PDB file of all heavy atoms in Angstrom:
ATOM      1  N   PRO A   1      15.916 -43.752  95.559  1.00  0.00           N
ATOM      2  CA  PRO A   1      15.376 -43.489  96.903  1.00  0.00           C
ATOM      3  C   PRO A   1      14.783 -42.085  97.025  1.00  0.00           C
ATOM      4  O   PRO A   1      15.408 -41.101  96.663  1.00  0.00           O
ATOM      5  CB  PRO A   1      16.603 -43.660  97.806  1.00  0.00           C
ATOM      6  CG  PRO A   1      17.480 -44.629  97.073  1.00  0.00           C
ATOM      7  CD  PRO A   1      17.285 -44.300  95.618  1.00  0.00           C
ATOM      8  N   GLY A   2      13.558 -42.038  97.547  1.00  0.00           N
ATOM      9  CA  GLY A   2      12.893 -40.770  97.797  1.00  0.00           C
ATOM     10  C   GLY A   2      12.043 -40.266  96.652  1.00  0.00           C
ATOM     11  O   GLY A   2      11.087 -39.506  96.871  1.00  0.00           O
ATOM     12  N   GLN A   3      12.363 -40.656  95.423  1.00  0.00           N
ATOM     13  CA  GLN A   3      11.632 -40.119  94.270  1.00  0.00           C
ATOM     14  C   GLN A   3      10.156 -40.490  94.303  1.00  0.00           C
ATOM     15  O   GLN A   3       9.290 -39.646  94.048  1.00  0.00           O
ATOM     16  CB  GLN A   3      12.258 -40.611  92.968  1.00  0.00           C
ATOM     17  CG  GLN A   3      13.579 -39.963  92.600  1.00  0.00           C
ATOM     18  CD  GLN A   3      14.135 -40.509  91.302  1.00  0.00           C
ATOM     19  OE1 GLN A   3      13.976 -41.686  90.975  1.00  0.00           O
ATOM     20  NE2 GLN A   3      14.815 -39.653  90.548  1.00  0.00           N
ATOM     21  N   ALA A   4       9.860 -41.745  94.619  1.00  0.00           N
ATOM     22  CA  ALA A   4       8.463 -42.196  94.602  1.00  0.00           C
ATOM     23  C   ALA A   4       7.635 -41.443  95.637  1.00  0.00           C
ATOM     24  O   ALA A   4       6.475 -41.082  95.374  1.00  0.00           O
ATOM     25  CB  ALA A   4       8.384 -43.705  94.847  1.00  0.00           C
ATOM     26  N   ASP A   5       8.205 -41.186  96.796  1.00  0.00           N
ATOM     27  CA  ASP A   5       7.489 -40.447  97.848  1.00  0.00           C
ATOM     28  C   ASP A   5       7.175 -39.031  97.390  1.00  0.00           C
ATOM     29  O   ASP A   5       6.065 -38.520  97.597  1.00  0.00           O
ATOM     30  CB  ASP A   5       8.342 -40.423  99.118  1.00  0.00           C
ATOM     31  CG  ASP A   5       7.544 -39.997 100.349  1.00  0.00           C
ATOM     32  OD1 ASP A   5       6.366 -39.650 100.199  1.00  0.00           O
ATOM     33  OD2 ASP A   5       8.112 -40.005 101.454  1.00  0.00           O
ATOM     34  N   VAL A   6       8.141 -38.380  96.738  1.00  0.00           N
ATOM     35  CA  VAL A   6       7.917 -37.019  96.245  1.00  0.00           C
ATOM     36  C   VAL A   6       6.856 -37.014  95.150  1.00  0.00           C
ATOM     37  O   VAL A   6       5.945 -36.184  95.143  1.00  0.00           O
ATOM     38  CB  VAL A   6       9.226 -36.401  95.722  1.00  0.00           C
ATOM     39  CG1 VAL A   6       8.970 -35.008  95.149  1.00  0.00           C
ATOM     40  CG2 VAL A   6      10.270 -36.325  96.820  1.00  0.00           C
ATOM     41  N   VAL A   7       6.967 -37.949  94.209  1.00  0.00           N
ATOM     42  CA  VAL A   7       6.004 -38.026  93.099  1.00  0.00           C
ATOM     43  C   VAL A   7       4.595 -38.239  93.635  1.00  0.00           C
ATOM     44  O   VAL A   7       3.637 -37.581  93.195  1.00  0.00           O
ATOM     45  CB  VAL A   7       6.400 -39.144  92.124  1.00  0.00           C
ATOM     46  CG1 VAL A   7       5.264 -39.427  91.132  1.00  0.00           C
ATOM     47  CG2 VAL A   7       7.671 -38.771  91.364  1.00  0.00           C
ATOM     48  N   ARG A   8       4.448 -39.133  94.592  1.00  0.00           N
ATOM     49  CA  ARG A   8       3.115 -39.389  95.159  1.00  0.00           C
ATOM     50  C   ARG A   8       2.553 -38.128  95.813  1.00  0.00           C
ATOM     51  O   ARG A   8       1.363 -37.802  95.650  1.00  0.00           O
ATOM     52  CB  ARG A   8       3.193 -40.511  96.189  1.00  0.00           C
ATOM     53  CG  ARG A   8       1.823 -40.842  96.816  1.00  0.00           C
ATOM     54  CD  ARG A   8       1.902 -41.991  97.790  1.00  0.00           C
ATOM     55  NE  ARG A   8       2.760 -41.675  98.936  1.00  0.00           N
ATOM     56  CZ  ARG A   8       2.920 -42.495  99.975  1.00  0.00           C
ATOM     57  NH1 ARG A   8       2.308 -43.661  99.994  1.00  0.00           N
ATOM     58  NH2 ARG A   8       3.706 -42.148 100.972  1.00  0.00           N
ATOM     59  N   SER A   9       3.392 -37.396  96.534  1.00  0.00           N
ATOM     60  CA  SER A   9       2.944 -36.179  97.200  1.00  0.00           C
ATOM     61  C   SER A   9       2.512 -35.126  96.183  1.00  0.00           C
ATOM     62  O   SER A   9       1.486 -34.460  96.354  1.00  0.00           O
ATOM     63  CB  SER A   9       4.068 -35.637  98.093  1.00  0.00           C
ATOM     64  OG  SER A   9       3.667 -34.456  98.749  1.00  0.00           O
ATOM     65  N   VAL A  10       3.303 -34.970  95.114  1.00  0.00           N
ATOM     66  CA  VAL A  10       2.975 -33.974  94.089  1.00  0.00           C
ATOM     67  C   VAL A  10       1.677 -34.344  93.383  1.00  0.00           C
ATOM     68  O   VAL A  10       0.816 -33.490  93.120  1.00  0.00           O
ATOM     69  CB  VAL A  10       4.128 -33.836  93.079  1.00  0.00           C
ATOM     70  CG1 VAL A  10       3.725 -32.939  91.905  1.00  0.00           C
ATOM     71  CG2 VAL A  10       5.369 -33.260  93.765  1.00  0.00           C
ATOM     72  N   LEU A  11       1.510 -35.624  93.056  1.00  0.00           N
ATOM     73  CA  LEU A  11       0.274 -36.067  92.387  1.00  0.00           C
ATOM     74  C   LEU A  11      -0.948 -35.872  93.276  1.00  0.00           C
ATOM     75  O   LEU A  11      -2.062 -35.703  92.774  1.00  0.00           O
ATOM     76  CB  LEU A  11       0.395 -37.534  91.980  1.00  0.00           C
ATOM     77  CG  LEU A  11       1.362 -37.829  90.827  1.00  0.00           C
ATOM     78  CD1 LEU A  11       1.503 -39.330  90.620  1.00  0.00           C
ATOM     79  CD2 LEU A  11       0.889 -37.157  89.540  1.00  0.00           C
ATOM     80  N   ALA A  12      -0.736 -35.869  94.592  1.00  0.00           N
ATOM     81  CA  ALA A  12      -1.835 -35.625  95.534  1.00  0.00           C
ATOM     82  C   ALA A  12      -2.097 -34.132  95.717  1.00  0.00           C
ATOM     83  O   ALA A  12      -2.933 -33.753  96.535  1.00  0.00           O
ATOM     84  CB  ALA A  12      -1.523 -36.271  96.874  1.00  0.00           C
ATOM     85  N   ARG A  13      -1.364 -33.295  94.948  1.00  0.00           N
ATOM     86  CA  ARG A  13      -1.536 -31.835  94.946  1.00  0.00           C
ATOM     87  C   ARG A  13      -1.140 -31.211  96.280  1.00  0.00           C
ATOM     88  O   ARG A  13      -1.670 -30.179  96.692  1.00  0.00           O
ATOM     89  CB  ARG A  13      -2.984 -31.445  94.610  1.00  0.00           C
ATOM     90  CG  ARG A  13      -3.602 -32.202  93.432  1.00  0.00           C
ATOM     91  CD  ARG A  13      -2.902 -31.918  92.141  1.00  0.00           C
ATOM     92  NE  ARG A  13      -3.271 -30.629  91.584  1.00  0.00           N
ATOM     93  CZ  ARG A  13      -2.597 -30.012  90.607  1.00  0.00           C
ATOM     94  NH1 ARG A  13      -1.503 -30.581  90.117  1.00  0.00           N
ATOM     95  NH2 ARG A  13      -2.991 -28.849  90.139  1.00  0.00           N
ATOM     96  N   ARG A  14      -0.186 -31.835  96.969  1.00  0.00           N
ATOM     97  CA  ARG A  14       0.309 -31.282  98.226  1.00  0.00           C
ATOM     98  C   ARG A  14       1.547 -30.427  97.972  1.00  0.00           C
ATOM     99  O   ARG A  14       2.366 -30.751  97.104  1.00  0.00           O
ATOM    100  CB  ARG A  14       0.680 -32.404  99.205  1.00  0.00           C
ATOM    101  CG  ARG A  14      -0.514 -33.110  99.801  1.00  0.00           C
ATOM    102  CD  ARG A  14      -0.085 -34.037 100.928  1.00  0.00           C
ATOM    103  NE  ARG A  14       0.625 -35.207 100.425  1.00  0.00           N
ATOM    104  CZ  ARG A  14       1.079 -36.191 101.185  1.00  0.00           C
ATOM    105  NH1 ARG A  14       0.938 -36.123 102.493  1.00  0.00           N
ATOM    106  NH2 ARG A  14       1.706 -37.217 100.650  1.00  0.00           N
ATOM    107  N   ASN A  15       1.678 -29.343  98.727  1.00  0.00           N
ATOM    108  CA  ASN A  15       2.920 -28.580  98.696  1.00  0.00           C
ATOM    109  C   ASN A  15       4.022 -29.444  99.299  1.00  0.00           C
ATOM    110  O   ASN A  15       3.873 -29.962 100.413  1.00  0.00           O
ATOM    111  CB  ASN A  15       2.779 -27.282  99.482  1.00  0.00           C
ATOM    112  CG  ASN A  15       1.770 -26.342  98.862  1.00  0.00           C
ATOM    113  OD1 ASN A  15       1.699 -26.213  97.644  1.00  0.00           O
ATOM    114  ND2 ASN A  15       0.973 -25.677  99.686  1.00  0.00           N
ATOM    115  N   THR A  16       5.112 -29.613  98.563  1.00  0.00           N
ATOM    116  CA  THR A  16       6.130 -30.596  98.930  1.00  0.00           C
ATOM    117  C   THR A  16       7.508 -29.966  98.931  1.00  0.00           C
ATOM    118  O   THR A  16       7.842 -29.189  98.029  1.00  0.00           O
ATOM    119  CB  THR A  16       6.117 -31.776  97.934  1.00  0.00           C
ATOM    120  OG1 THR A  16       4.782 -32.296  97.834  1.00  0.00           O
ATOM    121  CG2 THR A  16       7.066 -32.879  98.370  1.00  0.00           C
ATOM    122  N   LEU A  17       8.300 -30.284  99.934  1.00  0.00           N
ATOM    123  CA  LEU A  17       9.696 -29.866 100.002  1.00  0.00           C
ATOM    124  C   LEU A  17      10.559 -31.120  99.993  1.00  0.00           C
ATOM    125  O   LEU A  17      10.471 -31.949 100.902  1.00  0.00           O
ATOM    126  CB  LEU A  17       9.965 -29.049 101.269  1.00  0.00           C
ATOM    127  CG  LEU A  17      11.427 -28.694 101.567  1.00  0.00           C
ATOM    128  CD1 LEU A  17      12.026 -27.856 100.442  1.00  0.00           C
ATOM    129  CD2 LEU A  17      11.550 -27.963 102.897  1.00  0.00           C
ATOM    130  N   ALA A  18      11.371 -31.268  98.958  1.00  0.00           N
ATOM    131  CA  ALA A  18      12.235 -32.437  98.817  1.00  0.00           C
ATOM    132  C   ALA A  18      13.678 -32.047  99.096  1.00  0.00           C
ATOM    133  O   ALA A  18      14.233 -31.183  98.409  1.00  0.00           O
ATOM    134  CB  ALA A  18      12.109 -33.036  97.422  1.00  0.00           C
ATOM    135  N   ILE A  19      14.267 -32.656 100.096  1.00  0.00           N
ATOM    136  CA  ILE A  19      15.671 -32.445 100.435  1.00  0.00           C
ATOM    137  C   ILE A  19      16.411 -33.713 100.029  1.00  0.00           C
ATOM    138  O   ILE A  19      16.330 -34.745 100.698  1.00  0.00           O
ATOM    139  CB  ILE A  19      15.855 -32.168 101.934  1.00  0.00           C
ATOM    140  CG1 ILE A  19      14.940 -31.014 102.383  1.00  0.00           C
ATOM    141  CG2 ILE A  19      17.311 -31.841 102.249  1.00  0.00           C
ATOM    142  CD1 ILE A  19      14.882 -30.830 103.881  1.00  0.00           C
ATOM    143  N   MET A  20      17.104 -33.622  98.905  1.00  0.00           N
ATOM    144  CA  MET A  20      17.742 -34.787  98.318  1.00  0.00           C
ATOM    145  C   MET A  20      19.146 -34.402  97.870  1.00  0.00           C
ATOM    146  O   MET A  20      19.338 -33.345  97.270  1.00  0.00           O
ATOM    147  CB  MET A  20      16.930 -35.308  97.127  1.00  0.00           C
ATOM    148  CG  MET A  20      15.475 -35.630  97.484  1.00  0.00           C
ATOM    149  SD  MET A  20      14.418 -35.927  96.033  1.00  0.00           S
ATOM    150  CE  MET A  20      15.048 -37.521  95.505  1.00  0.00           C
ATOM    151  N   PRO A  21      20.142 -35.246  98.134  1.00  0.00           N
ATOM    152  CA  PRO A  21      21.524 -34.880  97.802  1.00  0.00           C
ATOM    153  C   PRO A  21      21.749 -34.777  96.309  1.00  0.00           C
ATOM    154  O   PRO A  21      20.952 -35.268  95.492  1.00  0.00           O
ATOM    155  CB  PRO A  21      22.349 -36.020  98.406  1.00  0.00           C
ATOM    156  CG  PRO A  21      21.409 -37.165  98.495  1.00  0.00           C
ATOM    157  CD  PRO A  21      20.054 -36.569  98.762  1.00  0.00           C
ATOM    158  N   THR A  22      22.833 -34.120  95.949  1.00  0.00           N
ATOM    159  CA  THR A  22      23.220 -33.991  94.551  1.00  0.00           C
ATOM    160  C   THR A  22      23.271 -35.360  93.891  1.00  0.00           C
ATOM    161  O   THR A  22      23.828 -36.301  94.441  1.00  0.00           O
ATOM    162  CB  THR A  22      24.603 -33.322  94.454  1.00  0.00           C
ATOM    163  OG1 THR A  22      24.536 -32.044  95.074  1.00  0.00           O
ATOM    164  CG2 THR A  22      25.023 -33.162  93.008  1.00  0.00           C
ATOM    165  N   GLY A  23      22.666 -35.476  92.712  1.00  0.00           N
ATOM    166  CA  GLY A  23      22.680 -36.735  91.982  1.00  0.00           C
ATOM    167  C   GLY A  23      21.548 -37.677  92.339  1.00  0.00           C
ATOM    168  O   GLY A  23      21.504 -38.802  91.830  1.00  0.00           O
ATOM    169  N   ALA A  24      20.620 -37.227  93.204  1.00  0.00           N
ATOM    170  CA  ALA A  24      19.532 -38.104  93.633  1.00  0.00           C
ATOM    171  C   ALA A  24      18.377 -38.137  92.643  1.00  0.00           C
ATOM    172  O   ALA A  24      17.439 -38.915  92.809  1.00  0.00           O
ATOM    173  CB  ALA A  24      19.017 -37.670  95.009  1.00  0.00           C
ATOM    174  N   GLY A  25      18.418 -37.289  91.601  1.00  0.00           N
ATOM    175  CA  GLY A  25      17.362 -37.304  90.593  1.00  0.00           C
ATOM    176  C   GLY A  25      16.170 -36.438  90.935  1.00  0.00           C
ATOM    177  O   GLY A  25      15.015 -36.851  90.773  1.00  0.00           O
ATOM    178  N   LYS A  26      16.439 -35.196  91.366  1.00  0.00           N
ATOM    179  CA  LYS A  26      15.339 -34.306  91.762  1.00  0.00           C
ATOM    180  C   LYS A  26      14.482 -33.885  90.565  1.00  0.00           C
ATOM    181  O   LYS A  26      13.282 -33.668  90.719  1.00  0.00           O
ATOM    182  CB  LYS A  26      15.906 -33.068  92.477  1.00  0.00           C
ATOM    183  CG  LYS A  26      16.509 -33.372  93.841  1.00  0.00           C
ATOM    184  CD  LYS A  26      16.892 -32.118  94.606  1.00  0.00           C
ATOM    185  CE  LYS A  26      18.175 -31.515  94.112  1.00  0.00           C
ATOM    186  NZ  LYS A  26      19.360 -32.333  94.440  1.00  0.00           N
ATOM    187  N   SER A  27      15.063 -33.767  89.371  1.00  0.00           N
ATOM    188  CA  SER A  27      14.289 -33.289  88.223  1.00  0.00           C
ATOM    189  C   SER A  27      13.148 -34.241  87.861  1.00  0.00           C
ATOM    190  O   SER A  27      12.071 -33.801  87.456  1.00  0.00           O
ATOM    191  CB  SER A  27      15.197 -33.063  87.015  1.00  0.00           C
ATOM    192  OG  SER A  27      15.848 -34.259  86.649  1.00  0.00           O
ATOM    193  N   LEU A  28      13.359 -35.540  87.998  1.00  0.00           N
ATOM    194  CA  LEU A  28      12.286 -36.498  87.690  1.00  0.00           C
ATOM    195  C   LEU A  28      11.084 -36.285  88.605  1.00  0.00           C
ATOM    196  O   LEU A  28       9.948 -36.563  88.216  1.00  0.00           O
ATOM    197  CB  LEU A  28      12.804 -37.928  87.832  1.00  0.00           C
ATOM    198  CG  LEU A  28      11.793 -39.026  87.488  1.00  0.00           C
ATOM    199  CD1 LEU A  28      11.617 -39.123  85.974  1.00  0.00           C
ATOM    200  CD2 LEU A  28      12.219 -40.375  88.047  1.00  0.00           C
ATOM    201  N   CYS A  29      11.328 -35.761  89.797  1.00  0.00           N
ATOM    202  CA  CYS A  29      10.262 -35.594  90.786  1.00  0.00           C
ATOM    203  C   CYS A  29       9.198 -34.604  90.331  1.00  0.00           C
ATOM    204  O   CYS A  29       8.070 -34.630  90.827  1.00  0.00           O
ATOM    205  CB  CYS A  29      10.845 -35.158  92.125  1.00  0.00           C
ATOM    206  SG  CYS A  29      11.889 -36.413  92.909  1.00  0.00           S
ATOM    207  N   TYR A  30       9.542 -33.701  89.406  1.00  0.00           N
ATOM    208  CA  TYR A  30       8.511 -32.813  88.855  1.00  0.00           C
ATOM    209  C   TYR A  30       8.175 -33.163  87.408  1.00  0.00           C
ATOM    210  O   TYR A  30       7.062 -32.934  86.941  1.00  0.00           O
ATOM    211  CB  TYR A  30       8.915 -31.342  88.981  1.00  0.00           C
ATOM    212  CG  TYR A  30      10.093 -30.896  88.147  1.00  0.00           C
ATOM    213  CD1 TYR A  30       9.940 -30.572  86.804  1.00  0.00           C
ATOM    214  CD2 TYR A  30      11.358 -30.754  88.697  1.00  0.00           C
ATOM    215  CE1 TYR A  30      11.021 -30.138  86.032  1.00  0.00           C
ATOM    216  CE2 TYR A  30      12.440 -30.330  87.949  1.00  0.00           C
ATOM    217  CZ  TYR A  30      12.267 -30.026  86.616  1.00  0.00           C
ATOM    218  OH  TYR A  30      13.325 -29.599  85.854  1.00  0.00           O
ATOM    219  N   GLN A  31       9.137 -33.717  86.669  1.00  0.00           N
ATOM    220  CA  GLN A  31       8.877 -34.025  85.268  1.00  0.00           C
ATOM    221  C   GLN A  31       7.827 -35.123  85.108  1.00  0.00           C
ATOM    222  O   GLN A  31       6.930 -35.020  84.269  1.00  0.00           O
ATOM    223  CB  GLN A  31      10.176 -34.425  84.567  1.00  0.00           C
ATOM    224  CG  GLN A  31      11.155 -33.267  84.409  1.00  0.00           C
ATOM    225  CD  GLN A  31      12.506 -33.704  83.872  1.00  0.00           C
ATOM    226  OE1 GLN A  31      12.749 -34.893  83.677  1.00  0.00           O
ATOM    227  NE2 GLN A  31      13.401 -32.753  83.653  1.00  0.00           N
ATOM    228  N   LEU A  32       7.929 -36.157  85.929  1.00  0.00           N
ATOM    229  CA  LEU A  32       6.961 -37.254  85.831  1.00  0.00           C
ATOM    230  C   LEU A  32       5.548 -36.808  86.207  1.00  0.00           C
ATOM    231  O   LEU A  32       4.603 -37.041  85.437  1.00  0.00           O
ATOM    232  CB  LEU A  32       7.424 -38.425  86.693  1.00  0.00           C
ATOM    233  CG  LEU A  32       6.482 -39.633  86.775  1.00  0.00           C
ATOM    234  CD1 LEU A  32       6.149 -40.169  85.391  1.00  0.00           C
ATOM    235  CD2 LEU A  32       7.100 -40.730  87.633  1.00  0.00           C
ATOM    236  N   PRO A  33       5.332 -36.163  87.355  1.00  0.00           N
ATOM    237  CA  PRO A  33       3.973 -35.691  87.657  1.00  0.00           C
ATOM    238  C   PRO A  33       3.431 -34.732  86.605  1.00  0.00           C
ATOM    239  O   PRO A  33       2.233 -34.742  86.301  1.00  0.00           O
ATOM    240  CB  PRO A  33       4.132 -34.992  89.008  1.00  0.00           C
ATOM    241  CG  PRO A  33       5.332 -35.602  89.620  1.00  0.00           C
ATOM    242  CD  PRO A  33       6.252 -35.904  88.471  1.00  0.00           C
ATOM    243  N   ALA A  34       4.319 -33.886  86.043  1.00  0.00           N
ATOM    244  CA  ALA A  34       3.862 -32.911  85.045  1.00  0.00           C
ATOM    245  C   ALA A  34       3.294 -33.585  83.811  1.00  0.00           C
ATOM    246  O   ALA A  34       2.384 -33.057  83.169  1.00  0.00           O
ATOM    247  CB  ALA A  34       5.016 -31.990  84.656  1.00  0.00           C
ATOM    248  N   VAL A  35       3.824 -34.746  83.462  1.00  0.00           N
ATOM    249  CA  VAL A  35       3.296 -35.498  82.318  1.00  0.00           C
ATOM    250  C   VAL A  35       1.888 -36.005  82.612  1.00  0.00           C
ATOM    251  O   VAL A  35       1.047 -36.077  81.710  1.00  0.00           O
ATOM    252  CB  VAL A  35       4.234 -36.675  81.982  1.00  0.00           C
ATOM    253  CG1 VAL A  35       3.619 -37.567  80.902  1.00  0.00           C
ATOM    254  CG2 VAL A  35       5.597 -36.168  81.524  1.00  0.00           C
ATOM    255  N   LEU A  36       1.620 -36.304  83.873  1.00  0.00           N
ATOM    256  CA  LEU A  36       0.348 -36.928  84.246  1.00  0.00           C
ATOM    257  C   LEU A  36      -0.737 -35.923  84.629  1.00  0.00           C
ATOM    258  O   LEU A  36      -1.913 -36.269  84.656  1.00  0.00           O
ATOM    259  CB  LEU A  36       0.577 -37.881  85.427  1.00  0.00           C
ATOM    260  CG  LEU A  36       1.506 -39.066  85.122  1.00  0.00           C
ATOM    261  CD1 LEU A  36       1.900 -39.775  86.406  1.00  0.00           C
ATOM    262  CD2 LEU A  36       0.846 -40.031  84.160  1.00  0.00           C
ATOM    263  N   ILE A  37      -0.344 -34.675  84.911  1.00  0.00           N
ATOM    264  CA  ILE A  37      -1.312 -33.665  85.330  1.00  0.00           C
ATOM    265  C   ILE A  37      -1.495 -32.663  84.201  1.00  0.00           C
ATOM    266  O   ILE A  37      -0.515 -32.103  83.701  1.00  0.00           O
ATOM    267  CB  ILE A  37      -0.836 -32.931  86.595  1.00  0.00           C
ATOM    268  CG1 ILE A  37      -0.561 -33.915  87.731  1.00  0.00           C
ATOM    269  CG2 ILE A  37      -1.868 -31.901  87.042  1.00  0.00           C
ATOM    270  CD1 ILE A  37       0.093 -33.273  88.942  1.00  0.00           C
ATOM    271  N   PRO A  38      -2.722 -32.385  83.783  1.00  0.00           N
ATOM    272  CA  PRO A  38      -2.930 -31.391  82.714  1.00  0.00           C
ATOM    273  C   PRO A  38      -2.489 -30.005  83.163  1.00  0.00           C
ATOM    274  O   PRO A  38      -2.661 -29.627  84.315  1.00  0.00           O
ATOM    275  CB  PRO A  38      -4.458 -31.432  82.481  1.00  0.00           C
ATOM    276  CG  PRO A  38      -4.940 -32.658  83.158  1.00  0.00           C
ATOM    277  CD  PRO A  38      -3.986 -32.958  84.255  1.00  0.00           C
ATOM    278  N   GLY A  39      -1.914 -29.251  82.228  1.00  0.00           N
ATOM    279  CA  GLY A  39      -1.528 -27.885  82.536  1.00  0.00           C
ATOM    280  C   GLY A  39      -0.052 -27.649  82.305  1.00  0.00           C
ATOM    281  O   GLY A  39       0.667 -28.487  81.747  1.00  0.00           O
ATOM    282  N   THR A  40       0.410 -26.495  82.755  1.00  0.00           N
ATOM    283  CA  THR A  40       1.795 -26.064  82.553  1.00  0.00           C
ATOM    284  C   THR A  40       2.554 -26.098  83.869  1.00  0.00           C
ATOM    285  O   THR A  40       2.052 -25.639  84.894  1.00  0.00           O
ATOM    286  CB  THR A  40       1.827 -24.625  81.995  1.00  0.00           C
ATOM    287  OG1 THR A  40       1.131 -24.585  80.750  1.00  0.00           O
ATOM    288  CG2 THR A  40       3.264 -24.155  81.792  1.00  0.00           C
ATOM    289  N   THR A  41       3.745 -26.642  83.825  1.00  0.00           N
ATOM    290  CA  THR A  41       4.626 -26.665  84.991  1.00  0.00           C
ATOM    291  C   THR A  41       5.660 -25.551  84.843  1.00  0.00           C
ATOM    292  O   THR A  41       6.357 -25.481  83.826  1.00  0.00           O
ATOM    293  CB  THR A  41       5.336 -28.023  85.121  1.00  0.00           C
ATOM    294  OG1 THR A  41       4.364 -29.030  85.433  1.00  0.00           O
ATOM    295  CG2 THR A  41       6.385 -27.983  86.231  1.00  0.00           C
ATOM    296  N   VAL A  42       5.747 -24.690  85.842  1.00  0.00           N
ATOM    297  CA  VAL A  42       6.708 -23.587  85.845  1.00  0.00           C
ATOM    298  C   VAL A  42       7.861 -23.962  86.771  1.00  0.00           C
ATOM    299  O   VAL A  42       7.641 -24.302  87.940  1.00  0.00           O
ATOM    300  CB  VAL A  42       6.060 -22.269  86.313  1.00  0.00           C
ATOM    301  CG1 VAL A  42       7.098 -21.148  86.350  1.00  0.00           C
ATOM    302  CG2 VAL A  42       4.900 -21.902  85.396  1.00  0.00           C
ATOM    303  N   VAL A  43       9.072 -23.914  86.246  1.00  0.00           N
ATOM    304  CA  VAL A  43      10.268 -24.259  87.015  1.00  0.00           C
ATOM    305  C   VAL A  43      11.097 -22.993  87.221  1.00  0.00           C
ATOM    306  O   VAL A  43      11.551 -22.383  86.259  1.00  0.00           O
ATOM    307  CB  VAL A  43      11.116 -25.324  86.294  1.00  0.00           C
ATOM    308  CG1 VAL A  43      12.322 -25.712  87.147  1.00  0.00           C
ATOM    309  CG2 VAL A  43      10.271 -26.556  85.967  1.00  0.00           C
TER     310      VAL A  43
END
């Protein structure tokens, strides 16, 4: 829950704030878009 919405927002190049409880899988929300967008992701 919530991951797809965050991923879509990031892929649309929007500044995004994700408020998700512990264990909700926040890391995938940047790792997946980073694979699809050319360039370097800084964490």
